């Protein structure tokens, strides 16, 4: 087991967990930056999710 971290200082239990998470996050960010698909405007995404929420609230849809 690695060095134990204080919960006041870090959300990870050990230095190894923190390093593993940081490597995972860096890979996710790099993949996102390399993604060549076109961006979706924020307003379009919000309109779609609001329509979905309205449909679910009205009892016409399922998650």
PDB file of N, CA and C in Angstrom:
ATOM      1  N   UNK A   1       0.851  -1.182   0.000  1.00  0.00           N
ATOM      2  CA  UNK A   1       0.000   0.000   0.000  1.00  0.00           C
ATOM      3  C   UNK A   1       0.886   1.230   0.000  1.00  0.00           C
ATOM      4  N   UNK A   2       0.450   2.256  -0.672  1.00  0.00           N
ATOM      5  CA  UNK A   2       1.234   3.472  -0.800  1.00  0.00           C
ATOM      6  C   UNK A   2       1.005   4.438   0.335  1.00  0.00           C
ATOM      7  N   UNK A   3       1.546   5.607   0.167  1.00  0.00           N
ATOM      8  CA  UNK A   3       1.410   6.665   1.153  1.00  0.00           C
ATOM      9  C   UNK A   3      -0.053   7.061   1.296  1.00  0.00           C
ATOM     10  N   UNK A   4      -0.526   7.072   2.533  1.00  0.00           N
ATOM     11  CA  UNK A   4      -1.917   7.437   2.808  1.00  0.00           C
ATOM     12  C   UNK A   4      -2.019   8.955   2.854  1.00  0.00           C
ATOM     13  N   UNK A   5      -3.028   9.495   2.192  1.00  0.00           N
ATOM     14  CA  UNK A   5      -3.236  10.939   2.142  1.00  0.00           C
ATOM     15  C   UNK A   5      -4.356  11.351   3.087  1.00  0.00           C
ATOM     16  N   UNK A   6      -4.252  12.535   3.637  1.00  0.00           N
ATOM     17  CA  UNK A   6      -5.284  13.077   4.511  1.00  0.00           C
ATOM     18  C   UNK A   6      -6.504  13.455   3.684  1.00  0.00           C
ATOM     19  N   UNK A   7      -7.716  13.129   4.155  1.00  0.00           N
ATOM     20  CA  UNK A   7      -8.919  13.522   3.419  1.00  0.00           C
ATOM     21  C   UNK A   7      -9.108  15.036   3.358  1.00  0.00           C
ATOM     22  N   UNK A   8      -8.417  15.763   4.213  1.00  0.00           N
ATOM     23  CA  UNK A   8      -8.483  17.225   4.187  1.00  0.00           C
ATOM     24  C   UNK A   8      -7.676  17.765   3.008  1.00  0.00           C
ATOM     25  N   UNK A   9      -6.618  17.059   2.648  1.00  0.00           N
ATOM     26  CA  UNK A   9      -5.708  17.501   1.602  1.00  0.00           C
ATOM     27  C   UNK A   9      -6.085  16.931   0.233  1.00  0.00           C
ATOM     28  N   UNK A  10      -6.579  15.699   0.195  1.00  0.00           N
ATOM     29  CA  UNK A  10      -6.831  15.021  -1.076  1.00  0.00           C
ATOM     30  C   UNK A  10      -8.080  14.159  -0.990  1.00  0.00           C
ATOM     31  N   UNK A  11      -8.774  14.025  -2.109  1.00  0.00           N
ATOM     32  CA  UNK A  11      -9.937  13.144  -2.142  1.00  0.00           C
ATOM     33  C   UNK A  11      -9.533  11.693  -2.383  1.00  0.00           C
ATOM     34  N   UNK A  12      -8.255  11.441  -2.619  1.00  0.00           N
ATOM     35  CA  UNK A  12      -7.754  10.092  -2.860  1.00  0.00           C
ATOM     36  C   UNK A  12      -7.150   9.529  -1.584  1.00  0.00           C
ATOM     37  N   UNK A  13      -7.224   8.203  -1.447  1.00  0.00           N
ATOM     38  CA  UNK A  13      -6.685   7.567  -0.249  1.00  0.00           C
ATOM     39  C   UNK A  13      -5.169   7.449  -0.290  1.00  0.00           C
ATOM     40  N   UNK A  14      -4.618   7.247  -1.497  1.00  0.00           N
ATOM     41  CA  UNK A  14      -3.174   7.074  -1.616  1.00  0.00           C
ATOM     42  C   UNK A  14      -2.623   7.910  -2.768  1.00  0.00           C
ATOM     43  N   UNK A  15      -1.319   8.098  -2.752  1.00  0.00           N
ATOM     44  CA  UNK A  15      -0.630   8.814  -3.825  1.00  0.00           C
ATOM     45  C   UNK A  15      -0.799   8.052  -5.143  1.00  0.00           C
ATOM     46  N   UNK A  16      -0.782   6.721  -5.067  1.00  0.00           N
ATOM     47  CA  UNK A  16      -0.933   5.904  -6.263  1.00  0.00           C
ATOM     48  C   UNK A  16      -2.313   6.088  -6.898  1.00  0.00           C
ATOM     49  N   UNK A  17      -3.361   6.171  -6.079  1.00  0.00           N
ATOM     50  CA  UNK A  17      -4.706   6.406  -6.600  1.00  0.00           C
ATOM     51  C   UNK A  17      -4.779   7.763  -7.295  1.00  0.00           C
ATOM     52  N   UNK A  18      -4.161   8.757  -6.686  1.00  0.00           N
ATOM     53  CA  UNK A  18      -4.154  10.092  -7.280  1.00  0.00           C
ATOM     54  C   UNK A  18      -3.421  10.086  -8.623  1.00  0.00           C
ATOM     55  N   UNK A  19      -2.264   9.432  -8.676  1.00  0.00           N
ATOM     56  CA  UNK A  19      -1.484   9.368  -9.915  1.00  0.00           C
ATOM     57  C   UNK A  19      -2.255   8.617 -11.002  1.00  0.00           C
ATOM     58  N   UNK A  20      -2.914   7.534 -10.616  1.00  0.00           N
ATOM     59  CA  UNK A  20      -3.700   6.761 -11.576  1.00  0.00           C
ATOM     60  C   UNK A  20      -4.842   7.596 -12.137  1.00  0.00           C
ATOM     61  N   UNK A  21      -5.528   8.313 -11.279  1.00  0.00           N
ATOM     62  CA  UNK A  21      -6.626   9.174 -11.729  1.00  0.00           C
ATOM     63  C   UNK A  21      -6.104  10.270 -12.655  1.00  0.00           C
ATOM     64  N   UNK A  22      -4.992  10.892 -12.282  1.00  0.00           N
ATOM     65  CA  UNK A  22      -4.435  11.968 -13.106  1.00  0.00           C
ATOM     66  C   UNK A  22      -4.063  11.465 -14.500  1.00  0.00           C
ATOM     67  N   UNK A  23      -3.505  10.264 -14.602  1.00  0.00           N
ATOM     68  CA  UNK A  23      -3.164   9.696 -15.907  1.00  0.00           C
ATOM     69  C   UNK A  23      -4.427   9.418 -16.712  1.00  0.00           C
ATOM     70  N   UNK A  24      -5.456   8.875 -16.060  1.00  0.00           N
ATOM     71  CA  UNK A  24      -6.730   8.616 -16.733  1.00  0.00           C
ATOM     72  C   UNK A  24      -7.322   9.926 -17.252  1.00  0.00           C
ATOM     73  N   UNK A  25      -7.324  10.962 -16.405  1.00  0.00           N
ATOM     74  CA  UNK A  25      -7.889  12.249 -16.793  1.00  0.00           C
ATOM     75  C   UNK A  25      -7.120  12.866 -17.960  1.00  0.00           C
ATOM     76  N   UNK A  26      -5.799  12.809 -17.907  1.00  0.00           N
ATOM     77  CA  UNK A  26      -4.986  13.346 -19.006  1.00  0.00           C
ATOM     78  C   UNK A  26      -5.314  12.639 -20.317  1.00  0.00           C
ATOM     79  N   UNK A  27      -5.509  11.320 -20.265  1.00  0.00           N
ATOM     80  CA  UNK A  27      -5.851  10.559 -21.471  1.00  0.00           C
ATOM     81  C   UNK A  27      -7.222  10.969 -21.998  1.00  0.00           C
ATOM     82  N   UNK A  28      -8.190  11.164 -21.110  1.00  0.00           N
ATOM     83  CA  UNK A  28      -9.531  11.586 -21.527  1.00  0.00           C
ATOM     84  C   UNK A  28      -9.493  12.975 -22.171  1.00  0.00           C
ATOM     85  N   UNK A  29      -8.745  13.899 -21.579  1.00  0.00           N
ATOM     86  CA  UNK A  29      -8.635  15.257 -22.121  1.00  0.00           C
ATOM     87  C   UNK A  29      -7.950  15.220 -23.481  1.00  0.00           C
ATOM     88  N   UNK A  30      -6.874  14.447 -23.602  1.00  0.00           N
ATOM     89  CA  UNK A  30      -6.161  14.344 -24.878  1.00  0.00           C
ATOM     90  C   UNK A  30      -7.077  13.775 -25.961  1.00  0.00           C
ATOM     91  N   UNK A  31      -7.859  12.755 -25.614  1.00  0.00           N
ATOM     92  CA  UNK A  31      -8.787  12.168 -26.588  1.00  0.00           C
ATOM     93  C   UNK A  31      -9.848  13.180 -26.998  1.00  0.00           C
ATOM     94  N   UNK A  32     -10.326  13.947 -26.052  1.00  0.00           N
ATOM     95  CA  UNK A  32     -11.341  14.954 -26.356  1.00  0.00           C
ATOM     96  C   UNK A  32     -10.781  16.042 -27.268  1.00  0.00           C
ATOM     97  N   UNK A  33      -9.581  16.487 -26.990  1.00  0.00           N
ATOM     98  CA  UNK A  33      -8.958  17.519 -27.821  1.00  0.00           C
ATOM     99  C   UNK A  33      -8.661  17.013 -29.231  1.00  0.00           C
ATOM    100  N   UNK A  34      -8.411  15.713 -29.361  1.00  0.00           N
ATOM    101  CA  UNK A  34      -8.099  15.129 -30.665  1.00  0.00           C
ATOM    102  C   UNK A  34      -9.358  14.770 -31.454  1.00  0.00           C
ATOM    103  N   UNK A  35     -10.522  14.843 -30.830  1.00  0.00           N
ATOM    104  CA  UNK A  35     -11.789  14.491 -31.480  1.00  0.00           C
ATOM    105  C   UNK A  35     -12.088  15.489 -32.593  1.00  0.00           C
ATOM    106  N   UNK A  36     -12.307  14.985 -33.784  1.00  0.00           N
ATOM    107  CA  UNK A  36     -12.530  15.860 -34.939  1.00  0.00           C
ATOM    108  C   UNK A  36     -14.009  16.060 -35.270  1.00  0.00           C
ATOM    109  N   UNK A  37     -14.888  15.451 -34.482  1.00  0.00           N
ATOM    110  CA  UNK A  37     -16.315  15.663 -34.738  1.00  0.00           C
ATOM    111  C   UNK A  37     -16.663  17.131 -34.504  1.00  0.00           C
ATOM    112  N   UNK A  38     -17.671  17.632 -35.218  1.00  0.00           N
ATOM    113  CA  UNK A  38     -18.044  19.044 -35.034  1.00  0.00           C
ATOM    114  C   UNK A  38     -18.623  19.291 -33.644  1.00  0.00           C
ATOM    115  N   UNK A  39     -18.379  20.489 -33.144  1.00  0.00           N
ATOM    116  CA  UNK A  39     -18.929  20.872 -31.847  1.00  0.00           C
ATOM    117  C   UNK A  39     -20.440  21.027 -31.956  1.00  0.00           C
ATOM    118  N   UNK A  40     -21.127  20.811 -30.836  1.00  0.00           N
ATOM    119  CA  UNK A  40     -22.573  21.025 -30.780  1.00  0.00           C
ATOM    120  C   UNK A  40     -22.798  22.278 -29.941  1.00  0.00           C
ATOM    121  N   UNK A  41     -23.503  23.265 -30.477  1.00  0.00           N
ATOM    122  CA  UNK A  41     -23.744  24.498 -29.723  1.00  0.00           C
ATOM    123  C   UNK A  41     -24.498  24.225 -28.417  1.00  0.00           C
ATOM    124  N   UNK A  42     -24.141  24.952 -27.387  1.00  0.00           N
ATOM    125  CA  UNK A  42     -24.748  24.801 -26.063  1.00  0.00           C
ATOM    126  C   UNK A  42     -26.267  24.928 -26.127  1.00  0.00           C
ATOM    127  N   UNK A  43     -26.752  25.917 -26.850  1.00  0.00           N
ATOM    128  CA  UNK A  43     -28.199  26.134 -26.940  1.00  0.00           C
ATOM    129  C   UNK A  43     -28.915  24.925 -27.540  1.00  0.00           C
ATOM    130  N   UNK A  44     -28.284  24.286 -28.517  1.00  0.00           N
ATOM    131  CA  UNK A  44     -28.883  23.100 -29.140  1.00  0.00           C
ATOM    132  C   UNK A  44     -28.956  21.939 -28.143  1.00  0.00           C
ATOM    133  N   UNK A  45     -27.884  21.730 -27.406  1.00  0.00           N
ATOM    134  CA  UNK A  45     -27.861  20.664 -26.403  1.00  0.00           C
ATOM    135  C   UNK A  45     -28.913  20.924 -25.331  1.00  0.00           C
ATOM    136  N   UNK A  46     -28.994  22.159 -24.861  1.00  0.00           N
ATOM    137  CA  UNK A  46     -29.970  22.490 -23.821  1.00  0.00           C
ATOM    138  C   UNK A  46     -31.399  22.321 -24.319  1.00  0.00           C
ATOM    139  N   UNK A  47     -31.668  22.672 -25.565  1.00  0.00           N
ATOM    140  CA  UNK A  47     -33.008  22.494 -26.125  1.00  0.00           C
ATOM    141  C   UNK A  47     -33.371  21.012 -26.170  1.00  0.00           C
ATOM    142  N   UNK A  48     -32.417  20.173 -26.563  1.00  0.00           N
ATOM    143  CA  UNK A  48     -32.673  18.730 -26.617  1.00  0.00           C
ATOM    144  C   UNK A  48     -32.932  18.157 -25.226  1.00  0.00           C
ATOM    145  N   UNK A  49     -32.122  18.525 -24.251  1.00  0.00           N
ATOM    146  CA  UNK A  49     -32.295  17.967 -22.910  1.00  0.00           C
ATOM    147  C   UNK A  49     -33.565  18.497 -22.262  1.00  0.00           C
ATOM    148  N   UNK A  50     -33.902  19.754 -22.502  1.00  0.00           N
ATOM    149  CA  UNK A  50     -35.152  20.292 -21.949  1.00  0.00           C
ATOM    150  C   UNK A  50     -36.364  19.599 -22.549  1.00  0.00           C
ATOM    151  N   UNK A  51     -36.319  19.278 -23.838  1.00  0.00           N
ATOM    152  CA  UNK A  51     -37.412  18.538 -24.471  1.00  0.00           C
ATOM    153  C   UNK A  51     -37.521  17.140 -23.872  1.00  0.00           C
ATOM    154  N   UNK A  52     -36.394  16.507 -23.607  1.00  0.00           N
ATOM    155  CA  UNK A  52     -36.394  15.183 -22.994  1.00  0.00           C
ATOM    156  C   UNK A  52     -36.967  15.241 -21.580  1.00  0.00           C
ATOM    157  N   UNK A  53     -36.556  16.231 -20.818  1.00  0.00           N
ATOM    158  CA  UNK A  53     -37.077  16.395 -19.456  1.00  0.00           C
ATOM    159  C   UNK A  53     -38.580  16.625 -19.493  1.00  0.00           C
ATOM    160  N   UNK A  54     -39.035  17.487 -20.372  1.00  0.00           N
ATOM    161  CA  UNK A  54     -40.476  17.751 -20.494  1.00  0.00           C
ATOM    162  C   UNK A  54     -41.239  16.478 -20.838  1.00  0.00           C
ATOM    163  N   UNK A  55     -40.677  15.674 -21.722  1.00  0.00           N
ATOM    164  CA  UNK A  55     -41.315  14.423 -22.126  1.00  0.00           C
ATOM    165  C   UNK A  55     -41.404  13.456 -20.942  1.00  0.00           C
ATOM    166  N   UNK A  56     -40.349  13.356 -20.168  1.00  0.00           N
ATOM    167  CA  UNK A  56     -40.341  12.459 -19.015  1.00  0.00           C
ATOM    168  C   UNK A  56     -41.323  12.937 -17.958  1.00  0.00           C
ATOM    169  N   UNK A  57     -41.320  14.230 -17.679  1.00  0.00           N
ATOM    170  CA  UNK A  57     -42.236  14.791 -16.682  1.00  0.00           C
ATOM    171  C   UNK A  57     -43.688  14.559 -17.100  1.00  0.00           C
ATOM    172  N   UNK A  58     -43.959  14.645 -18.381  1.00  0.00           N
ATOM    173  CA  UNK A  58     -45.319  14.443 -18.885  1.00  0.00           C
ATOM    174  C   UNK A  58     -45.703  12.959 -18.890  1.00  0.00           C
ATOM    175  N   UNK A  59     -44.756  12.082 -18.563  1.00  0.00           N
ATOM    176  CA  UNK A  59     -45.047  10.660 -18.506  1.00  0.00           C
ATOM    177  C   UNK A  59     -45.072   9.977 -19.854  1.00  0.00           C
ATOM    178  N   UNK A  60     -44.488  10.609 -20.849  1.00  0.00           N
ATOM    179  CA  UNK A  60     -44.518  10.063 -22.202  1.00  0.00           C
ATOM    180  C   UNK A  60     -43.210   9.384 -22.592  1.00  0.00           C
ATOM    181  N   UNK A  61     -42.248   9.398 -21.722  1.00  0.00           N
ATOM    182  CA  UNK A  61     -40.957   8.832 -22.093  1.00  0.00           C
ATOM    183  C   UNK A  61     -40.355   8.047 -20.953  1.00  0.00           C
ATOM    184  N   UNK A  62     -39.320   7.347 -21.279  1.00  0.00           N
ATOM    185  CA  UNK A  62     -38.593   6.573 -20.290  1.00  0.00           C
ATOM    186  C   UNK A  62     -37.127   6.935 -20.372  1.00  0.00           C
ATOM    187  N   UNK A  63     -36.443   6.812 -19.247  1.00  0.00           N
ATOM    188  CA  UNK A  63     -35.001   7.065 -19.231  1.00  0.00           C
ATOM    189  C   UNK A  63     -34.257   5.839 -19.664  1.00  0.00           C
TER     190      UNK A  63
END
